[in-house]
Amino acid sequence: MGTNTVRALQDISISIEKGEYVAFMGPSGSGKSTLMNIIGCLDTPTDGTYVLNGQMVSDMTENELAEIRNKEIGFVFQTFNLLPRASALENVALPLIYAGYGKSDREEKAMEALESVNLADRHHHKPNELSGGQRQRVAIARALVNNPSIILADEPTGNLDSKTSYDIMGLFQELHDKGHTIIMVTHEDDIAHYAHRIIRLKDGLVEWDRQNESISRSTPSLANG
């Protein structure tokens, strides 16, 4: 920043196992967005290492990182990031274009992903014809379509009302129950408590890292937060 060097993260050492459900929390400037970008292969660390599924991601080229992002990571964003003129099916199929699938295979896989989030009946609808919760379900289906190693969710309920937020978090719980690894960034305590492990960052450091023992393993509930 200008002539000043800002260390966004320092002495961070975190291991996340396949099948975990982890939430990163922390105030603005704590480093959680930088950490999320590194995990998502959007940024590379200036020092240290990042290993994903046995691959040394921190040493990869831009093209290699792009391939990892397409095949290994499914992104869910606060603002949905859907193409406004494309149908739900076309939005979900987008990662498959970059992965080299033919049209019929893309449509089949995209429809399966929409079915997994209970939105197959809206596959022809464009984003402006869907509610906020439905748009987020489309975004989740898009994240799932390549069967990624990690679902990376950045404030996934930030633009949703409370009831819709709880519905979406219930969907994340269902996905986790099916074996998906979920890593989420949120500033909301009640949303973080849907995760089974919470890591709080402060000033670029891990303030604490603990299992969320209070959560019901079967049905998420706001009361548990």
C-alpha atoms as a PDB file:
ATOM      1  CA  MET A   1       0.000   0.000   0.000  1.00  0.00           C
ATOM      2  CA  GLY A   2       2.005   2.953  -1.294  1.00  0.00           C
ATOM      3  CA  THR A   3       5.475   2.626   0.191  1.00  0.00           C
ATOM      4  CA  ASN A   4       4.272   0.454   3.070  1.00  0.00           C
ATOM      5  CA  THR A   5       4.405  -3.332   3.023  1.00  0.00           C
ATOM      6  CA  VAL A   6       1.370  -4.967   4.612  1.00  0.00           C
ATOM      7  CA  ARG A   7       1.661  -8.555   5.766  1.00  0.00           C
ATOM      8  CA  ALA A   8      -1.861  -9.876   5.217  1.00  0.00           C
ATOM      9  CA  LEU A   9      -0.969 -13.286   6.683  1.00  0.00           C
ATOM     10  CA  GLN A  10       1.921 -14.342   8.876  1.00  0.00           C
ATOM     11  CA  ASP A  11       2.913 -17.646  10.478  1.00  0.00           C
ATOM     12  CA  ILE A  12      -0.301 -19.283   9.266  1.00  0.00           C
ATOM     13  CA  SER A  13      -0.253 -23.090   9.388  1.00  0.00           C
ATOM     14  CA  ILE A  14      -3.563 -24.856   8.698  1.00  0.00           C
ATOM     15  CA  SER A  15      -4.417 -28.380   7.582  1.00  0.00           C
ATOM     16  CA  ILE A  16      -7.904 -29.196   6.308  1.00  0.00           C
ATOM     17  CA  GLU A  17      -8.813 -32.817   5.671  1.00  0.00           C
ATOM     18  CA  LYS A  18     -11.084 -34.149   2.945  1.00  0.00           C
ATOM     19  CA  GLY A  19     -14.725 -34.055   4.047  1.00  0.00           C
ATOM     20  CA  GLU A  20     -14.332 -31.272   6.624  1.00  0.00           C
ATOM     21  CA  TYR A  21     -16.734 -28.343   6.947  1.00  0.00           C
ATOM     22  CA  VAL A  22     -14.717 -25.274   7.997  1.00  0.00           C
ATOM     23  CA  ALA A  23     -15.657 -21.623   8.525  1.00  0.00           C
ATOM     24  CA  PHE A  24     -13.141 -18.777   8.572  1.00  0.00           C
ATOM     25  CA  MET A  25     -14.128 -15.777  10.662  1.00  0.00           C
ATOM     26  CA  GLY A  26     -12.474 -12.513  11.612  1.00  0.00           C
ATOM     27  CA  PRO A  27     -12.876  -8.749  11.476  1.00  0.00           C
ATOM     28  CA  SER A  28     -12.132  -6.669   8.401  1.00  0.00           C
ATOM     29  CA  GLY A  29      -8.380  -6.720   7.774  1.00  0.00           C
ATOM     30  CA  SER A  30      -7.854 -10.007   9.603  1.00  0.00           C
ATOM     31  CA  GLY A  31      -6.559 -11.757   6.477  1.00  0.00           C
ATOM     32  CA  LYS A  32      -9.488 -14.092   5.823  1.00  0.00           C
ATOM     33  CA  SER A  33     -10.076 -12.845   2.262  1.00  0.00           C
ATOM     34  CA  THR A  34      -6.386 -13.218   1.421  1.00  0.00           C
ATOM     35  CA  LEU A  35      -6.374 -16.721   2.865  1.00  0.00           C
ATOM     36  CA  MET A  36      -9.514 -17.581   0.899  1.00  0.00           C
ATOM     37  CA  ASN A  37      -7.907 -16.296  -2.311  1.00  0.00           C
ATOM     38  CA  ILE A  38      -4.832 -18.444  -1.709  1.00  0.00           C
ATOM     39  CA  ILE A  39      -6.925 -21.547  -0.999  1.00  0.00           C
ATOM     40  CA  GLY A  40      -8.928 -20.813  -4.159  1.00  0.00           C
ATOM     41  CA  CYS A  41      -5.737 -20.430  -6.235  1.00  0.00           C
ATOM     42  CA  LEU A  42      -6.673 -16.835  -7.077  1.00  0.00           C
ATOM     43  CA  ASP A  43      -3.524 -15.557  -5.321  1.00  0.00           C
ATOM     44  CA  THR A  44      -0.163 -17.170  -4.650  1.00  0.00           C
ATOM     45  CA  PRO A  45       1.687 -16.694  -1.349  1.00  0.00           C
ATOM     46  CA  THR A  46       4.832 -14.551  -1.392  1.00  0.00           C
ATOM     47  CA  ASP A  47       6.344 -17.016   1.074  1.00  0.00           C
ATOM     48  CA  GLY A  48       5.451 -20.443   2.395  1.00  0.00           C
ATOM     49  CA  THR A  49       3.714 -23.349   0.664  1.00  0.00           C
ATOM     50  CA  TYR A  50       0.207 -24.487  -0.212  1.00  0.00           C
ATOM     51  CA  VAL A  51      -0.435 -28.155  -0.956  1.00  0.00           C
ATOM     52  CA  LEU A  52      -3.795 -29.254  -2.411  1.00  0.00           C
ATOM     53  CA  ASN A  53      -4.434 -32.985  -2.870  1.00  0.00           C
ATOM     54  CA  GLY A  54      -0.700 -33.634  -2.823  1.00  0.00           C
ATOM     55  CA  GLN A  55       0.047 -30.943  -5.426  1.00  0.00           C
ATOM     56  CA  MET A  56       2.372 -28.047  -4.602  1.00  0.00           C
ATOM     57  CA  VAL A  57       0.031 -25.278  -5.705  1.00  0.00           C
ATOM     58  CA  SER A  58       2.291 -22.456  -4.527  1.00  0.00           C
ATOM     59  CA  ASP A  59       4.828 -23.329  -7.281  1.00  0.00           C
ATOM     60  CA  MET A  60       2.370 -23.533 -10.185  1.00  0.00           C
ATOM     61  CA  THR A  61       2.191 -21.339 -13.295  1.00  0.00           C
ATOM     62  CA  GLU A  62      -0.896 -19.231 -14.092  1.00  0.00           C
ATOM     63  CA  ASN A  63      -2.135 -21.829 -16.601  1.00  0.00           C
ATOM     64  CA  GLU A  64      -1.696 -24.626 -14.069  1.00  0.00           C
ATOM     65  CA  LEU A  65      -3.536 -22.585 -11.441  1.00  0.00           C
ATOM     66  CA  ALA A  66      -6.406 -21.968 -13.880  1.00  0.00           C
ATOM     67  CA  GLU A  67      -6.710 -25.711 -14.450  1.00  0.00           C
ATOM     68  CA  ILE A  68      -6.721 -26.378 -10.696  1.00  0.00           C
ATOM     69  CA  ARG A  69      -9.444 -23.746 -10.199  1.00  0.00           C
ATOM     70  CA  ASN A  70     -11.580 -25.375 -12.887  1.00  0.00           C
ATOM     71  CA  LYS A  71     -11.179 -28.994 -11.768  1.00  0.00           C
ATOM     72  CA  GLU A  72     -10.543 -28.916  -8.017  1.00  0.00           C
ATOM     73  CA  ILE A  73     -12.451 -25.913  -6.649  1.00  0.00           C
ATOM     74  CA  GLY A  74     -16.091 -24.911  -6.836  1.00  0.00           C
ATOM     75  CA  PHE A  75     -16.694 -21.245  -6.022  1.00  0.00           C
ATOM     76  CA  VAL A  76     -19.833 -19.808  -4.413  1.00  0.00           C
ATOM     77  CA  PHE A  77     -19.887 -16.010  -4.131  1.00  0.00           C
ATOM     78  CA  GLN A  78     -21.944 -13.533  -2.130  1.00  0.00           C
ATOM     79  CA  THR A  79     -23.037 -11.770  -5.342  1.00  0.00           C
ATOM     80  CA  PHE A  80     -23.797 -15.059  -7.198  1.00  0.00           C
ATOM     81  CA  ASN A  81     -21.709 -14.007 -10.262  1.00  0.00           C
ATOM     82  CA  LEU A  82     -24.209 -15.400 -12.765  1.00  0.00           C
ATOM     83  CA  LEU A  83     -24.343 -14.386 -16.433  1.00  0.00           C
ATOM     84  CA  PRO A  84     -27.539 -12.281 -16.676  1.00  0.00           C
ATOM     85  CA  ARG A  85     -28.497 -13.305 -20.226  1.00  0.00           C
ATOM     86  CA  ALA A  86     -27.837 -17.015 -19.745  1.00  0.00           C
ATOM     87  CA  SER A  87     -30.320 -19.549 -18.388  1.00  0.00           C
ATOM     88  CA  ALA A  88     -29.741 -21.380 -15.123  1.00  0.00           C
ATOM     89  CA  LEU A  89     -28.676 -24.447 -17.115  1.00  0.00           C
ATOM     90  CA  GLU A  90     -26.205 -22.434 -19.196  1.00  0.00           C
ATOM     91  CA  ASN A  91     -24.746 -20.765 -16.100  1.00  0.00           C
ATOM     92  CA  VAL A  92     -24.225 -24.125 -14.395  1.00  0.00           C
ATOM     93  CA  ALA A  93     -22.659 -25.616 -17.541  1.00  0.00           C
ATOM     94  CA  LEU A  94     -20.121 -22.804 -17.925  1.00  0.00           C
ATOM     95  CA  PRO A  95     -17.201 -24.518 -16.085  1.00  0.00           C
ATOM     96  CA  LEU A  96     -17.701 -27.571 -18.300  1.00  0.00           C
ATOM     97  CA  ILE A  97     -16.982 -25.504 -21.415  1.00  0.00           C
ATOM     98  CA  TYR A  98     -13.523 -24.699 -20.046  1.00  0.00           C
ATOM     99  CA  ALA A  99     -13.106 -28.355 -19.086  1.00  0.00           C
ATOM    100  CA  GLY A 100     -13.670 -29.382 -22.709  1.00  0.00           C
ATOM    101  CA  TYR A 101     -17.014 -31.214 -22.481  1.00  0.00           C
ATOM    102  CA  GLY A 102     -19.317 -31.447 -25.493  1.00  0.00           C
ATOM    103  CA  LYS A 103     -22.726 -29.757 -25.469  1.00  0.00           C
ATOM    104  CA  SER A 104     -24.831 -32.841 -24.678  1.00  0.00           C
ATOM    105  CA  ASP A 105     -22.522 -33.894 -21.834  1.00  0.00           C
ATOM    106  CA  ARG A 106     -22.543 -30.324 -20.483  1.00  0.00           C
ATOM    107  CA  GLU A 107     -26.329 -30.179 -20.447  1.00  0.00           C
ATOM    108  CA  GLU A 108     -26.638 -33.600 -18.812  1.00  0.00           C
ATOM    109  CA  LYS A 109     -24.148 -32.790 -16.060  1.00  0.00           C
ATOM    110  CA  ALA A 110     -25.607 -29.310 -15.515  1.00  0.00           C
ATOM    111  CA  MET A 111     -29.109 -30.733 -15.160  1.00  0.00           C
ATOM    112  CA  GLU A 112     -27.852 -33.296 -12.623  1.00  0.00           C
ATOM    113  CA  ALA A 113     -26.252 -30.462 -10.635  1.00  0.00           C
ATOM    114  CA  LEU A 114     -29.492 -28.449 -10.705  1.00  0.00           C
ATOM    115  CA  GLU A 115     -31.416 -31.518  -9.550  1.00  0.00           C
ATOM    116  CA  SER A 116     -29.017 -31.836  -6.601  1.00  0.00           C
ATOM    117  CA  VAL A 117     -30.061 -28.365  -5.405  1.00  0.00           C
ATOM    118  CA  ASN A 118     -33.764 -28.922  -6.175  1.00  0.00           C
ATOM    119  CA  LEU A 119     -33.885 -26.426  -9.030  1.00  0.00           C
ATOM    120  CA  ALA A 120     -34.215 -28.586 -12.153  1.00  0.00           C
ATOM    121  CA  ASP A 121     -37.690 -27.147 -12.833  1.00  0.00           C
ATOM    122  CA  ARG A 122     -36.151 -23.676 -13.219  1.00  0.00           C
ATOM    123  CA  HIS A 123     -33.388 -24.670 -15.650  1.00  0.00           C
ATOM    124  CA  HIS A 124     -34.661 -22.398 -18.474  1.00  0.00           C
ATOM    125  CA  HIS A 125     -35.053 -19.342 -16.243  1.00  0.00           C
ATOM    126  CA  LYS A 126     -32.594 -16.451 -16.356  1.00  0.00           C
ATOM    127  CA  PRO A 127     -31.188 -14.938 -13.131  1.00  0.00           C
ATOM    128  CA  ASN A 128     -33.610 -11.981 -13.141  1.00  0.00           C
ATOM    129  CA  GLU A 129     -36.487 -14.499 -13.186  1.00  0.00           C
ATOM    130  CA  LEU A 130     -35.245 -16.186 -10.007  1.00  0.00           C
ATOM    131  CA  SER A 131     -35.318 -15.204  -6.331  1.00  0.00           C
ATOM    132  CA  GLY A 132     -32.104 -14.525  -4.438  1.00  0.00           C
ATOM    133  CA  GLY A 133     -32.179 -17.959  -2.868  1.00  0.00           C
ATOM    134  CA  GLN A 134     -32.756 -19.623  -6.231  1.00  0.00           C
ATOM    135  CA  ARG A 135     -29.866 -17.688  -7.764  1.00  0.00           C
ATOM    136  CA  GLN A 136     -27.608 -18.867  -4.969  1.00  0.00           C
ATOM    137  CA  ARG A 137     -28.758 -22.448  -5.605  1.00  0.00           C
ATOM    138  CA  VAL A 138     -27.780 -22.009  -9.260  1.00  0.00           C
ATOM    139  CA  ALA A 139     -24.380 -20.759  -8.098  1.00  0.00           C
ATOM    140  CA  ILE A 140     -24.010 -23.800  -5.828  1.00  0.00           C
ATOM    141  CA  ALA A 141     -24.984 -26.124  -8.686  1.00  0.00           C
ATOM    142  CA  ARG A 142     -22.323 -24.456 -10.847  1.00  0.00           C
ATOM    143  CA  ALA A 143     -19.784 -25.017  -8.054  1.00  0.00           C
ATOM    144  CA  LEU A 144     -20.740 -28.713  -7.926  1.00  0.00           C
ATOM    145  CA  VAL A 145     -20.864 -29.472 -11.651  1.00  0.00           C
ATOM    146  CA  ASN A 146     -17.185 -30.447 -12.010  1.00  0.00           C
ATOM    147  CA  ASN A 147     -17.262 -32.588  -8.853  1.00  0.00           C
ATOM    148  CA  PRO A 148     -14.546 -30.456  -7.211  1.00  0.00           C
ATOM    149  CA  SER A 149     -12.386 -31.385  -4.235  1.00  0.00           C
ATOM    150  CA  ILE A 150     -13.446 -28.232  -2.362  1.00  0.00           C
ATOM    151  CA  ILE A 151     -16.526 -26.019  -2.322  1.00  0.00           C
ATOM    152  CA  LEU A 152     -15.270 -22.538  -1.456  1.00  0.00           C
ATOM    153  CA  ALA A 153     -18.041 -20.214  -0.257  1.00  0.00           C
ATOM    154  CA  ASP A 154     -17.331 -16.504   0.270  1.00  0.00           C
ATOM    155  CA  GLU A 155     -20.115 -14.924   2.374  1.00  0.00           C
ATOM    156  CA  PRO A 156     -22.678 -17.203   0.681  1.00  0.00           C
ATOM    157  CA  THR A 157     -25.629 -15.704   2.589  1.00  0.00           C
ATOM    158  CA  GLY A 158     -24.504 -12.073   2.550  1.00  0.00           C
ATOM    159  CA  ASN A 159     -27.189 -10.956   0.071  1.00  0.00           C
ATOM    160  CA  LEU A 160     -30.018 -13.133   1.391  1.00  0.00           C
ATOM    161  CA  ASP A 161     -32.745 -12.630   3.977  1.00  0.00           C
ATOM    162  CA  SER A 162     -32.654 -14.694   7.174  1.00  0.00           C
ATOM    163  CA  LYS A 163     -35.056 -17.448   6.126  1.00  0.00           C
ATOM    164  CA  THR A 164     -33.379 -17.926   2.754  1.00  0.00           C
ATOM    165  CA  SER A 165     -29.974 -17.905   4.458  1.00  0.00           C
ATOM    166  CA  TYR A 166     -31.011 -20.789   6.697  1.00  0.00           C
ATOM    167  CA  ASP A 167     -32.363 -22.688   3.679  1.00  0.00           C
ATOM    168  CA  ILE A 168     -29.039 -22.266   1.862  1.00  0.00           C
ATOM    169  CA  MET A 169     -27.072 -23.345   4.935  1.00  0.00           C
ATOM    170  CA  GLY A 170     -29.321 -26.397   5.195  1.00  0.00           C
ATOM    171  CA  LEU A 171     -28.326 -27.196   1.605  1.00  0.00           C
ATOM    172  CA  PHE A 172     -24.632 -26.857   2.488  1.00  0.00           C
ATOM    173  CA  GLN A 173     -25.207 -29.287   5.363  1.00  0.00           C
ATOM    174  CA  GLU A 174     -26.778 -31.783   2.950  1.00  0.00           C
ATOM    175  CA  LEU A 175     -23.780 -31.432   0.626  1.00  0.00           C
ATOM    176  CA  HIS A 176     -21.400 -31.965   3.525  1.00  0.00           C
ATOM    177  CA  ASP A 177     -23.346 -35.042   4.602  1.00  0.00           C
ATOM    178  CA  LYS A 178     -22.752 -36.426   1.091  1.00  0.00           C
ATOM    179  CA  GLY A 179     -18.995 -36.072   1.607  1.00  0.00           C
ATOM    180  CA  HIS A 180     -18.184 -32.688   0.111  1.00  0.00           C
ATOM    181  CA  THR A 181     -15.405 -30.593   1.645  1.00  0.00           C
ATOM    182  CA  ILE A 182     -16.745 -27.110   2.393  1.00  0.00           C
ATOM    183  CA  ILE A 183     -14.683 -24.045   3.309  1.00  0.00           C
ATOM    184  CA  MET A 184     -16.648 -20.892   4.032  1.00  0.00           C
ATOM    185  CA  VAL A 185     -15.814 -17.290   4.892  1.00  0.00           C
ATOM    186  CA  THR A 186     -18.409 -15.413   6.915  1.00  0.00           C
ATOM    187  CA  HIS A 187     -18.595 -12.571   9.405  1.00  0.00           C
ATOM    188  CA  GLU A 188     -21.891 -13.837  10.838  1.00  0.00           C
ATOM    189  CA  ASP A 189     -21.665 -15.933  14.025  1.00  0.00           C
ATOM    190  CA  ASP A 190     -24.915 -17.801  13.413  1.00  0.00           C
ATOM    191  CA  ILE A 191     -23.839 -18.776   9.887  1.00  0.00           C
ATOM    192  CA  ALA A 192     -20.351 -19.833  11.041  1.00  0.00           C
ATOM    193  CA  HIS A 193     -21.904 -22.163  13.579  1.00  0.00           C
ATOM    194  CA  TYR A 194     -23.303 -24.340  10.828  1.00  0.00           C
ATOM    195  CA  ALA A 195     -19.694 -25.420  10.190  1.00  0.00           C
ATOM    196  CA  HIS A 196     -18.126 -28.242  12.182  1.00  0.00           C
ATOM    197  CA  ARG A 197     -14.841 -26.365  12.647  1.00  0.00           C
ATOM    198  CA  ILE A 198     -14.346 -22.624  13.073  1.00  0.00           C
ATOM    199  CA  ILE A 199     -11.040 -20.817  12.544  1.00  0.00           C
ATOM    200  CA  ARG A 200     -10.874 -17.199  13.681  1.00  0.00           C
ATOM    201  CA  LEU A 201      -8.227 -14.895  12.211  1.00  0.00           C
ATOM    202  CA  LYS A 202      -6.964 -11.628  13.670  1.00  0.00           C
ATOM    203  CA  ASP A 203      -4.197  -9.386  12.325  1.00  0.00           C
ATOM    204  CA  GLY A 204      -3.029 -12.071   9.909  1.00  0.00           C
ATOM    205  CA  LEU A 205      -2.736 -14.740  12.583  1.00  0.00           C
ATOM    206  CA  VAL A 206      -4.884 -17.651  13.705  1.00  0.00           C
ATOM    207  CA  GLU A 207      -6.495 -16.390  16.913  1.00  0.00           C
ATOM    208  CA  TRP A 208      -8.103 -19.768  17.558  1.00  0.00           C
ATOM    209  CA  ASP A 209      -9.016 -22.971  15.732  1.00  0.00           C
ATOM    210  CA  ARG A 210     -11.612 -25.238  17.321  1.00  0.00           C
ATOM    211  CA  GLN A 211     -14.204 -27.891  16.625  1.00  0.00           C
ATOM    212  CA  ASN A 212     -17.778 -26.680  16.875  1.00  0.00           C
ATOM    213  CA  GLU A 213     -18.959 -29.233  19.424  1.00  0.00           C
ATOM    214  CA  SER A 214     -22.308 -27.513  20.014  1.00  0.00           C
ATOM    215  CA  ILE A 215     -23.649 -28.132  16.523  1.00  0.00           C
ATOM    216  CA  SER A 216     -26.224 -30.818  15.872  1.00  0.00           C
ATOM    217  CA  ARG A 217     -24.646 -33.195  13.387  1.00  0.00           C
ATOM    218  CA  SER A 218     -27.975 -34.034  11.785  1.00  0.00           C
ATOM    219  CA  THR A 219     -30.019 -30.863  11.470  1.00  0.00           C
ATOM    220  CA  PRO A 220     -28.460 -27.364  11.527  1.00  0.00           C
ATOM    221  CA  SER A 221     -30.267 -24.980  13.823  1.00  0.00           C
ATOM    222  CA  LEU A 222     -29.825 -21.314  14.556  1.00  0.00           C
ATOM    223  CA  ALA A 223     -30.372 -22.119  18.210  1.00  0.00           C
ATOM    224  CA  ASN A 224     -27.061 -23.965  18.259  1.00  0.00           C
ATOM    225  CA  GLY A 225     -25.227 -20.763  17.399  1.00  0.00           C
END
